[in-house]
Each structure stands twice: as structure tokens, then as C-alpha cells.
């Protein structure tokens, strides 16, 4: 049988009607049933498109001109193409609808659980300036320091684009001030090609509730030139700065932070609150970047867990103890497990900070620790799991179901791996009751979910 060719060719210009969106927010138009994926296009629109790639079954295009606009199209607040927040051209209501459909499609096509209710997504009242952490690369142009995000698919810094519309506005001001002071003091930027120079990245964190600020300066060199002058100027400009940290990264690498971290002014931690729980956050702590939405997510997880005062809970992938400490407010006992030793150290500190004595934390891989716990006679009533984007390891799903909890609460940042894992849990004796999407990252294609399962 002859190979079927695509009905379009690379570099061809065509007129396309758009009828759908991909889960990444690209417009979908079809030529004789052949789909073309086009960034920045919306359903109901028509436009001239240049074909940039034509595979056998689908292609990619570049939008040249719109001949018909959707009523859902809005003017982006930011026109920088750094690939960080690619949904700014669509109304917030359409963003939420797209994410809702993404979750529903995963439940239907991957989990085969189309009968399970996906509740309306929990959005934000103001879907801008929500991020409490930023890591900005530093470069040099005409002898002056520049800061900003990398251009899409490159390591070229888009000059002075540190004022991102998703970042807390104070963070943007701090980054700009660090850059200006460092520039005035003659601190060199790191040169990636030559692996020379000093200042690689500026990282800033802020507590949403406390307004505490931490500044982390990442250098290639062991010493930060003009350290004292920089710190003095910076802290007098921003009284809410509680911590200035120097991190050293000698390596030729895309990884931002190195192994050596030293507090050069103030405290090792800043603090923030989610609900009634206070968290100590260090330079390397994992902490949700959108705490107000995190509170909504965790409240739902707590509701789904339906914990009684006699219940025992296991929190797999517990991180710095965020979910564990929420659950400990209701449970008899909570056991958290996490593979990162520093995270467990932070979790223990956070339990002490809040006077919580019924939560214990262990370093290890959940899929290995949980069978050992079972052998010791630990029988949890509820298991909470919040894995990375790749989802749960097959061994972990097995360990969870062999412990036979009456309830599982699955928190996920990836609808596809969530749906895959729900199918496994269903086949191992658990019934999915409900899924609640939460928009943790407005202006981006990401969506968080919390899911409730009961033992059959």
C-alpha cells in the first residue's frame, strides 16, 4: 500500500479554520481531516498559517494573520515570548474551560472513567502576580548586566524581562534592584560559553502572608565580590528581606543551584503560612509557588481524606510536610516519607514550629518504606500521595493497595499520569469517586488535581 502523504507541505501558506485546543493551548485546524497545531490560535477563529512541519498524521503551523477573531481573545499583558505563560491571549474563562476539558479527556481516554465526576475547576480571582519564587539568569550586554528570561528554545536572555506578570510584584522590584546594585559595584555576569565570570542567577522568594523575602545569589566563584556593600544597599532598600544567601555552582550545567550554600546575612529561613500552619522555607526547600491556591487544594484533600480522630495517615512524597501537617490537625498519627533528606529535615522543623507532635517523617523511597511499615504492623486508614509529574512508580501503587487503606487521596500535577495511575488503582480494588481540578498556574497549560478513591 502506498504511503499516504500529508495534504500540506512545509512552508506552504494556507487559510485555516480553528475548531479546538490542544492541552498545551495550541489551536487545532484541519485540512481534509489532517490536523494542524498552531500556537496563539483559538477555536472559532480563521487565519493565514505557514506550515512549519508536516508529519504523516499531523503538522505544525505558525499564525501569520487572523482573518476572523474569537470573542475569547484578549490582549496579552506581556508580549515577551519566553514560553513561560503561553495562554495570555485567551480569556481566563477559556483557560479554565480548556484545563477542565484536559482533565475530562484524560479520565475518559486514559483511565476509561468517563462516569466519574470532574468538578468545575477552582480558579483565581486575580490570575496574575501569584508566583512567590523566581530564578532569573544574569547576562551581560555592552559591559552592562542584564537580567531576564531565556528566549523560547534558546539560552539567549531577553533583556530586562524580569518583570513577569505572573510574579509577585515585589519580587520583580528586588531582582531589578540586585541587578542595578551589582552593575554599579562592577560584579561580572557569568558567561555560559566561556564558563567565566561571577553572577549566574538571582533567586528571590517571598512569603505571601508574612511578606518575608529571601534573596539567593548564585555564583560560579567561591567568593561574591563586594558582598558587604551589596547586602547593605539591598537590605536598606527592602526592609522585608530576612535572608540573603550565597550559593556556589562551579559546574558547566543548566542546573541553577550548586551544592554549597551559605547564609551571608540574616536567617537561614523565611516563613509563610498556609491556613493555620506556618512553614520555614530555606533556599532549597520545595514550597508551592501559589500558596493561596495551595490552601484551596489542601482543603479539598482534607475533605476527601475525611479523617477521624482515631485514623492513621501515610503521606507519600511528603516534601517539607505541607500536606502531612494539614492532615495531622485531624488524625491520630501521620507518617510522611520522602526521598530528599533536606526536605525531611525541613518537615521535622515545620512540625516543631507548629507544635505538632503526631507527625513522624522518614527519609526513603515510599515504595520501599511502605512494605517495611506494613511488616511492622502499620495499617493506615488513609494514604495521601502527591507524586512528581511522572506519576507513581508501579511498585508504589502496589505497596499502597497492599496496605488496604479505606481511602486514597491522590494529588497530581499531570492529568495524563493521574489517569494512568487511577486505572491501575481501580484494577487493584479502589473506586474513583470524584476529581477536583485546581488552577495553580494561570496563564500556563498546567493544571493540578486532587482525586478521591474508596476501597471497593
Protein backbone atom coordinates (compact mmCIF):
# COMPACT_ATOMS: atom_id res chain seq x y z
CA UNK A 1 0.00 0.00 0.00
CA UNK A 2 1.39 3.41 -0.98
CA UNK A 3 2.39 5.76 1.82
CA UNK A 4 -0.22 8.46 2.37
CA UNK A 5 1.27 11.94 2.10
CA UNK A 6 0.16 14.91 4.21
CA UNK A 7 -2.28 17.21 2.36
CA UNK A 8 0.03 20.18 3.07
CA UNK A 9 3.73 20.81 2.57
CA UNK A 10 6.33 22.56 4.72
CA UNK A 11 6.50 26.35 4.08
CA UNK A 12 3.09 26.32 2.33
CA UNK A 13 0.73 29.16 3.35
CA UNK A 14 -2.91 28.15 3.86
CA UNK A 15 -6.15 29.55 5.31
CA UNK A 16 -7.34 27.55 8.31
CA UNK A 17 -10.47 27.47 10.49
CA UNK A 18 -9.71 26.59 14.12
CA UNK A 19 -12.10 24.31 15.98
CA UNK A 20 -10.35 23.09 19.12
CA UNK A 21 -7.39 23.48 21.53
CA UNK A 22 -4.64 21.03 22.47
CA UNK A 23 -3.84 20.52 26.16
CA UNK A 24 -0.92 22.94 25.66
CA UNK A 25 -3.26 25.66 24.36
CA UNK A 26 -2.42 25.42 20.64
CA UNK A 27 -5.24 25.98 18.18
CA UNK A 28 -6.32 22.95 16.11
CA UNK A 29 -7.45 23.31 12.49
CA UNK A 30 -7.98 20.55 9.91
CA UNK A 31 -7.32 20.17 6.19
CA UNK A 32 -9.26 17.15 4.86
CA UNK A 33 -9.23 15.68 8.36
CA UNK A 34 -5.46 16.29 8.78
CA UNK A 35 -4.85 18.29 12.00
CA UNK A 36 -2.51 21.26 12.18
CA UNK A 37 -1.46 22.57 15.60
CA UNK A 38 -0.95 26.34 15.67
CA UNK A 39 0.20 28.38 18.73
CA UNK A 40 -1.78 31.55 19.58
CA UNK A 41 -4.91 30.45 17.65
CA UNK A 42 -8.32 29.98 19.29
CA UNK A 43 -11.43 27.94 18.46
CA UNK A 44 -13.85 29.86 16.21
CA UNK A 45 -11.04 31.83 14.55
CA UNK A 46 -9.82 31.82 10.96
CA UNK A 47 -6.33 32.77 9.89
CA UNK A 48 -3.48 32.52 7.42
CA UNK A 49 -0.98 29.90 8.55
CA UNK A 50 2.50 28.95 7.39
CA UNK A 51 3.14 25.19 7.65
CA UNK A 52 6.40 24.72 9.61
CA UNK A 53 6.27 20.93 9.91
CA UNK A 54 4.19 18.26 8.12
CA UNK A 55 4.37 14.79 9.67
CA UNK A 56 2.42 11.84 8.29
CA UNK A 57 -0.55 12.18 10.68
CA UNK A 58 -0.38 15.80 11.88
CA UNK A 59 1.50 19.04 11.34
CA UNK A 60 2.51 22.31 12.99
CA UNK A 61 1.91 25.83 11.76
CA UNK A 62 2.75 29.45 12.52
CA UNK A 63 -0.05 32.00 12.66
CA UNK A 64 0.68 34.81 10.17
CA UNK A 65 -2.58 36.75 10.25
CA UNK A 66 -6.06 36.45 11.74
CA UNK A 67 -8.97 36.99 9.34
CA UNK A 68 -11.61 36.23 12.00
CA UNK A 69 -11.14 36.71 15.77
CA UNK A 70 -12.74 34.88 18.70
CA UNK A 71 -14.62 36.88 21.35
CA UNK A 72 -12.43 34.95 23.87
CA UNK A 73 -9.25 36.58 22.53
CA UNK A 74 -7.74 39.25 24.79
CA UNK A 75 -4.68 41.48 24.53
CA UNK A 76 -1.76 39.80 26.38
CA UNK A 77 -0.40 41.79 29.33
CA UNK A 78 3.12 40.72 28.32
CA UNK A 79 4.45 40.34 24.77
CA UNK A 80 7.71 38.56 25.62
CA UNK A 81 7.98 35.10 24.03
CA UNK A 82 9.83 33.29 26.82
CA UNK A 83 7.42 30.29 26.69
CA UNK A 84 6.64 30.73 30.40
CA UNK A 85 2.96 31.67 30.14
CA UNK A 86 1.62 30.90 26.69
CA UNK A 87 -2.12 31.33 27.37
CA UNK A 88 -2.22 35.10 27.87
CA UNK A 89 -4.00 35.62 24.54
CA UNK A 90 -7.12 33.79 25.77
CA UNK A 91 -9.68 34.92 28.32
CA UNK A 92 -9.30 33.44 31.80
CA UNK A 93 -12.68 31.69 31.46
CA UNK A 94 -11.43 29.94 28.30
CA UNK A 95 -8.19 28.95 30.06
CA UNK A 96 -10.26 27.29 32.81
CA UNK A 97 -12.54 25.58 30.29
CA UNK A 98 -9.50 24.23 28.39
CA UNK A 99 -7.99 22.80 31.59
CA UNK A 100 -11.32 21.29 32.66
CA UNK A 101 -11.58 19.55 29.27
CA UNK A 102 -7.99 18.34 29.54
CA UNK A 103 -8.82 16.54 32.80
CA UNK A 104 -12.10 15.13 31.44
CA UNK A 105 -10.36 13.82 28.30
CA UNK A 106 -7.65 12.10 30.36
CA UNK A 107 -10.30 10.49 32.58
CA UNK A 108 -12.17 9.23 29.51
CA UNK A 109 -9.38 8.21 27.14
CA UNK A 110 -6.65 7.03 29.55
CA UNK A 111 -8.45 5.97 32.74
CA UNK A 112 -11.69 4.89 30.97
CA UNK A 113 -13.58 6.50 33.85
CA UNK A 114 -15.88 8.89 31.96
CA UNK A 115 -18.62 8.20 34.56
CA UNK A 116 -16.51 9.81 37.34
CA UNK A 117 -17.46 13.42 38.04
CA UNK A 118 -14.82 16.06 37.32
CA UNK A 119 -15.93 19.06 39.40
CA UNK A 120 -15.72 22.62 37.98
CA UNK A 121 -12.11 23.84 38.22
CA UNK A 122 -11.22 26.18 41.10
CA UNK A 123 -9.78 29.32 39.51
CA UNK A 124 -8.27 32.52 40.88
CA UNK A 125 -9.99 35.86 41.38
CA UNK A 126 -6.84 37.58 40.07
CA UNK A 127 -4.84 35.22 37.83
CA UNK A 128 -1.72 37.44 37.74
CA UNK A 129 1.25 38.10 40.09
CA UNK A 130 0.72 34.85 42.02
CA UNK A 131 4.21 33.29 41.95
CA UNK A 132 6.18 33.57 45.22
CA UNK A 133 9.52 32.44 43.77
CA UNK A 134 11.63 33.40 40.76
CA UNK A 135 15.01 32.28 39.39
CA UNK A 136 16.40 34.77 36.87
CA UNK A 137 19.56 34.27 34.79
CA UNK A 138 22.11 37.09 34.63
CA UNK A 139 23.97 38.08 31.46
CA UNK A 140 25.98 40.96 30.04
CA UNK A 141 25.50 43.30 27.09
CA UNK A 142 27.82 46.18 26.15
CA UNK A 143 29.53 45.87 29.54
CA UNK A 144 26.24 46.20 31.48
CA UNK A 145 24.48 43.47 33.48
CA UNK A 146 21.17 42.29 32.06
CA UNK A 147 18.56 40.04 33.65
CA UNK A 148 15.61 38.29 32.06
CA UNK A 149 14.20 35.02 30.84
CA UNK A 150 15.66 32.94 28.05
CA UNK A 151 14.05 33.25 24.66
CA UNK A 152 11.97 30.23 23.69
CA UNK A 153 14.17 27.21 22.87
CA UNK A 154 17.43 29.16 23.42
CA UNK A 155 19.81 30.40 26.08
CA UNK A 156 19.66 33.98 24.82
CA UNK A 157 18.44 36.29 27.59
CA UNK A 158 15.57 38.55 26.57
CA UNK A 159 16.86 41.77 28.05
CA UNK A 160 15.25 43.18 31.21
CA UNK A 161 12.23 40.84 31.17
CA UNK A 162 12.42 40.12 34.87
CA UNK A 163 9.12 41.99 35.43
CA UNK A 164 7.00 38.91 34.71
CA UNK A 165 3.22 39.29 35.07
CA UNK A 166 2.93 36.00 36.97
CA UNK A 167 5.46 37.01 39.66
CA UNK A 168 4.68 38.79 42.89
CA UNK A 169 5.42 42.43 42.00
CA UNK A 170 7.81 42.93 44.95
CA UNK A 171 9.94 40.04 43.62
CA UNK A 172 10.27 41.85 40.28
CA UNK A 173 11.47 45.00 42.10
CA UNK A 174 14.01 43.03 44.16
CA UNK A 175 15.54 41.34 41.08
CA UNK A 176 15.89 44.68 39.27
CA UNK A 177 17.50 46.29 42.35
CA UNK A 178 20.00 43.40 42.80
CA UNK A 179 20.96 43.74 39.13
CA UNK A 180 21.40 47.53 39.37
CA UNK A 181 23.49 47.36 42.58
CA UNK A 182 25.68 44.54 41.19
CA UNK A 183 26.14 46.53 37.98
CA UNK A 184 27.18 49.63 39.90
CA UNK A 185 29.64 47.61 42.01
CA UNK A 186 31.21 46.08 38.88
CA UNK A 187 30.22 42.45 39.62
CA UNK A 188 30.62 40.45 36.40
CA UNK A 189 27.90 38.27 34.92
CA UNK A 190 28.59 34.59 34.29
CA UNK A 191 29.47 33.77 30.67
CA UNK A 192 27.96 30.40 29.82
CA UNK A 193 30.00 29.80 26.63
CA UNK A 194 33.38 30.57 28.20
CA UNK A 195 32.48 29.35 31.72
CA UNK A 196 33.90 32.57 33.16
CA UNK A 197 32.53 35.45 35.21
CA UNK A 198 30.70 35.52 38.53
CA UNK A 199 26.93 36.05 38.92
CA UNK A 200 24.86 33.26 37.35
CA UNK A 201 21.34 33.61 38.77
CA UNK A 202 19.29 35.74 41.15
CA UNK A 203 16.67 33.79 43.08
CA UNK A 204 14.03 35.55 45.18
CA UNK A 205 11.34 34.02 47.42
CA UNK A 206 8.59 35.85 49.30
CA UNK A 207 6.12 34.74 51.98
CA UNK A 208 2.63 35.61 50.76
CA UNK A 209 1.25 36.01 54.29
CA UNK A 210 4.37 37.21 56.15
CA UNK A 211 5.93 39.32 53.33
CA UNK A 212 9.35 37.86 54.37
CA UNK A 213 11.86 37.98 51.49
CA UNK A 214 14.85 35.72 50.77
CA UNK A 215 17.46 36.61 48.14
CA UNK A 216 19.79 33.88 46.81
CA UNK A 217 22.80 34.92 44.72
CA UNK A 218 24.21 32.05 42.65
CA UNK A 219 27.84 32.48 41.53
CA UNK A 220 30.44 30.44 39.67
CA UNK A 221 33.08 31.68 42.13
CA UNK A 222 33.59 30.79 45.80
CA UNK A 223 33.59 34.47 46.69
CA UNK A 224 30.94 37.09 45.93
CA UNK A 225 32.79 40.35 45.18
CA UNK A 226 31.60 43.44 47.09
CA UNK A 227 29.37 41.18 49.17
CA UNK A 228 29.01 43.52 52.16
CA UNK A 229 28.23 46.62 50.08
CA UNK A 230 25.66 44.72 48.02
CA UNK A 231 23.91 43.33 51.10
CA UNK A 232 23.90 46.70 52.88
CA UNK A 233 22.35 48.55 49.93
CA UNK A 234 19.82 45.80 49.24
CA UNK A 235 18.58 45.36 52.80
CA UNK A 236 18.24 49.11 53.35
CA UNK A 237 16.13 49.30 50.18
CA UNK A 238 13.89 46.35 51.19
CA UNK A 239 13.28 46.12 54.98
CA UNK A 240 11.26 42.89 54.49
CA UNK A 241 14.40 41.00 53.41
CA UNK A 242 15.06 38.47 56.18
CA UNK A 243 17.70 36.33 54.47
CA UNK A 244 20.49 36.78 51.91
CA UNK A 245 22.12 33.55 50.78
CA UNK A 246 25.19 32.86 48.63
CA UNK A 247 25.07 29.65 46.57
CA UNK A 248 28.13 28.42 44.65
CA UNK A 249 27.75 26.47 41.40
CA UNK A 250 31.15 25.71 39.79
CA UNK A 251 29.79 23.35 37.15
CA UNK A 252 29.07 23.75 33.45
CA UNK A 253 25.40 22.86 33.82
CA UNK A 254 21.82 24.00 33.27
CA UNK A 255 21.06 23.16 36.91
CA UNK A 256 20.63 26.50 38.66
CA UNK A 257 21.92 25.86 42.18
CA UNK A 258 25.14 24.20 43.28
CA UNK A 259 25.87 22.13 46.39
CA UNK A 260 27.48 24.87 48.52
CA UNK A 261 25.03 27.25 50.24
CA UNK A 262 25.91 29.85 52.89
CA UNK A 263 23.77 32.46 54.63
CA UNK A 264 25.64 35.76 54.31
CA UNK A 265 23.07 37.96 56.06
CA UNK A 266 20.04 37.33 58.27
CA UNK A 267 18.34 33.97 58.83
CA UNK A 268 18.55 30.57 57.16
CA UNK A 269 14.78 30.51 56.73
CA UNK A 270 11.92 32.79 55.83
CA UNK A 271 8.39 31.91 56.96
CA UNK A 272 4.97 31.72 55.35
CA UNK A 273 1.54 30.46 56.34
CA UNK A 274 -0.96 28.24 54.55
CA UNK A 275 -4.12 28.28 56.62
CA UNK A 276 -3.15 27.80 60.26
CA UNK A 277 0.20 26.14 59.50
CA UNK A 278 3.48 28.11 59.46
CA UNK A 279 6.28 26.88 57.21
CA UNK A 280 10.02 27.57 57.43
CA UNK A 281 11.41 27.85 53.90
CA UNK A 282 15.12 27.57 53.13
CA UNK A 283 16.95 28.37 49.88
CA UNK A 284 16.49 24.80 48.62
CA UNK A 285 13.07 23.99 50.13
CA UNK A 286 10.32 22.81 47.82
CA UNK A 287 7.33 25.04 48.56
CA UNK A 288 4.27 25.56 46.38
CA UNK A 289 4.64 28.72 44.26
CA UNK A 290 0.96 29.71 44.57
CA UNK A 291 0.05 29.45 48.29
CA UNK A 292 -3.48 30.88 48.04
CA UNK A 293 -4.47 28.15 45.54
CA UNK A 294 -2.49 25.57 47.55
CA UNK A 295 -4.77 26.29 50.51
CA UNK A 296 -7.83 25.50 48.33
CA UNK A 297 -6.16 22.33 47.04
CA UNK A 298 -5.24 21.10 50.54
CA UNK A 299 -8.66 21.96 51.97
CA UNK A 300 -10.16 19.70 49.29
CA UNK A 301 -7.60 16.96 50.03
CA UNK A 302 -8.54 17.18 53.72
CA UNK A 303 -12.24 16.96 52.86
CA UNK A 304 -11.67 13.91 50.65
CA UNK A 305 -9.47 12.23 53.30
CA UNK A 306 -12.40 12.50 55.78
CA UNK A 307 -10.03 11.77 58.67
CA UNK A 308 -11.32 10.71 62.08
CA UNK A 309 -9.52 11.32 65.39
CA UNK A 310 -8.50 7.64 65.56
CA UNK A 311 -7.19 7.45 61.99
CA UNK A 312 -3.61 6.82 60.85
CA UNK A 313 -2.46 8.56 57.65
CA UNK A 314 0.53 7.98 55.36
CA UNK A 315 1.72 10.86 53.21
CA UNK A 316 3.90 9.53 50.39
CA UNK A 317 6.14 12.14 48.70
CA UNK A 318 5.62 14.36 51.76
CA UNK A 319 8.21 17.03 50.83
CA UNK A 320 8.64 19.59 53.62
CA UNK A 321 5.48 18.26 55.29
CA UNK A 322 2.89 20.61 53.80
CA UNK A 323 0.07 18.05 53.35
CA UNK A 324 1.20 15.95 56.35
CA UNK A 325 0.80 18.85 58.77
CA UNK A 326 -2.64 19.69 57.37
CA UNK A 327 -3.69 16.05 57.91
CA UNK A 328 -2.12 15.96 61.41
CA UNK A 329 -4.67 18.56 62.57
CA UNK A 330 -7.37 15.85 62.29
CA UNK A 331 -5.59 12.46 62.52
CA UNK A 332 -4.34 10.36 65.41
CA UNK A 333 -0.99 9.87 63.64
CA UNK A 334 0.62 10.87 60.33
CA UNK A 335 3.67 9.20 58.76
CA UNK A 336 5.46 11.13 55.99
CA UNK A 337 8.05 9.64 53.65
CA UNK A 338 10.26 11.47 51.14
CA UNK A 339 13.47 10.57 49.31
CA UNK A 340 15.14 14.01 49.76
CA UNK A 341 16.91 14.21 53.18
CA UNK A 342 16.84 18.04 53.29
CA UNK A 343 13.07 18.01 52.76
CA UNK A 344 12.59 15.62 55.69
CA UNK A 345 14.80 17.84 57.85
CA UNK A 346 12.55 20.79 56.91
CA UNK A 347 9.39 18.72 57.59
CA UNK A 348 10.59 17.91 61.12
CA UNK A 349 11.40 21.60 61.73
CA UNK A 350 7.94 22.60 60.46
CA UNK A 351 6.23 20.10 62.79
CA UNK A 352 8.16 21.55 65.77
CA UNK A 353 7.44 25.10 64.62
CA UNK A 354 3.70 24.39 64.77
CA UNK A 355 3.78 22.30 67.96
CA UNK A 356 2.59 19.24 66.02
CA UNK A 357 3.70 16.04 67.81
CA UNK A 358 1.62 13.42 65.97
CA UNK A 359 3.57 13.52 62.68
CA UNK A 360 6.72 11.47 62.02
CA UNK A 361 8.94 11.83 58.94
CA UNK A 362 11.25 9.31 57.29
CA UNK A 363 13.84 9.50 54.51
CA UNK A 364 13.45 6.84 51.84
CA UNK A 365 11.65 5.70 48.70
CA UNK A 366 7.96 5.33 49.51
CA UNK A 367 7.66 2.07 47.52
CA UNK A 368 10.36 0.50 49.76
CA UNK A 369 9.48 2.11 53.10
CA UNK A 370 5.74 1.31 52.94
CA UNK A 371 6.11 -2.51 52.65
CA UNK A 372 8.52 -2.35 55.61
CA UNK A 373 5.94 -0.33 57.58
CA UNK A 374 3.33 -2.98 56.72
CA UNK A 375 5.62 -5.71 58.07
CA UNK A 376 5.90 -3.70 61.31
CA UNK A 377 2.11 -3.78 61.61
CA UNK A 378 1.33 -0.26 60.37
CA UNK A 379 -2.16 -0.26 58.82
CA UNK A 380 -3.12 3.19 57.53
CA UNK A 381 -6.74 4.28 57.26
CA UNK A 382 -5.87 6.87 54.61
CA UNK A 383 -2.97 7.22 52.17
CA UNK A 384 -2.24 10.58 50.55
CA UNK A 385 0.09 10.70 47.57
CA UNK A 386 1.44 13.76 45.72
CA UNK A 387 4.00 12.48 43.17
CA UNK A 388 6.08 14.43 40.61
CA UNK A 389 4.83 14.85 37.00
CA UNK A 390 5.82 11.31 36.03
CA UNK A 391 3.22 9.95 38.48
CA UNK A 392 3.56 6.98 40.82
CA UNK A 393 6.00 4.13 40.40
CA UNK A 394 4.22 0.81 39.77
CA UNK A 395 5.79 -0.57 42.95
CA UNK A 396 4.35 2.32 44.95
CA UNK A 397 0.82 1.73 43.61
CA UNK A 398 1.24 -1.93 44.57
CA UNK A 399 2.51 -1.02 48.07
CA UNK A 400 -0.40 1.41 48.58
CA UNK A 401 -3.10 -1.08 47.64
CA UNK A 402 -1.49 -3.94 49.62
CA UNK A 403 -1.78 -1.79 52.75
CA UNK A 404 -5.55 -1.77 52.15
CA UNK A 405 -6.41 1.75 53.36
CA UNK A 406 -10.10 2.56 53.32
CA UNK A 407 -9.36 5.70 51.32
CA UNK A 408 -6.70 7.11 48.96
CA UNK A 409 -6.30 10.81 48.14
CA UNK A 410 -4.21 11.39 45.02
CA UNK A 411 -2.85 14.92 44.38
CA UNK A 412 -1.46 15.31 40.86
CA UNK A 413 0.15 17.95 38.64
CA UNK A 414 -0.26 15.87 35.46
CA UNK A 415 -3.75 14.69 34.29
CA UNK A 416 -2.27 12.02 31.98
CA UNK A 417 -0.20 10.22 34.63
CA UNK A 418 -3.02 10.67 37.16
CA UNK A 419 -5.44 8.94 34.78
CA UNK A 420 -2.94 6.14 34.07
CA UNK A 421 -2.44 5.52 37.81
CA UNK A 422 -6.19 5.68 38.57
CA UNK A 423 -6.72 2.87 36.07
CA UNK A 424 -4.18 0.73 37.99
CA UNK A 425 -5.76 1.58 41.36
CA UNK A 426 -9.24 0.75 40.00
CA UNK A 427 -7.97 -2.63 38.82
CA UNK A 428 -6.46 -3.22 42.27
CA UNK A 429 -9.68 -2.69 44.20
CA UNK A 430 -10.23 1.07 44.55
CA UNK A 431 -13.13 3.08 43.12
CA UNK A 432 -12.53 6.66 41.94
CA UNK A 433 -15.25 8.88 43.43
CA UNK A 434 -14.50 12.42 42.27
CA UNK A 435 -11.81 14.66 40.76
CA UNK A 436 -11.32 18.33 41.66
CA UNK A 437 -9.10 20.39 39.30
CA UNK A 438 -7.40 23.49 40.74
CA UNK A 439 -5.75 26.19 38.63
CA UNK A 440 -2.40 26.57 40.38
CA UNK A 441 -0.62 28.11 37.37
CA UNK A 442 -2.82 30.62 35.49
CA UNK A 443 -1.56 31.74 32.05
CA UNK A 444 0.13 28.33 31.59
CA UNK A 445 -1.17 24.97 30.35
CA UNK A 446 -0.60 23.23 33.71
CA UNK A 447 -3.46 22.02 35.90
CA UNK A 448 -3.39 20.44 39.37
CA UNK A 449 -5.94 17.87 40.54
CA UNK A 450 -6.98 16.21 43.78
CA UNK A 451 -8.75 12.88 43.48
CA UNK A 452 -10.73 10.76 45.96
CA UNK A 453 -10.75 6.95 45.89
CA UNK A 454 -12.57 4.49 48.18
CA UNK A 455 -11.80 0.82 48.77
CA UNK A 456 -14.33 -1.30 46.86
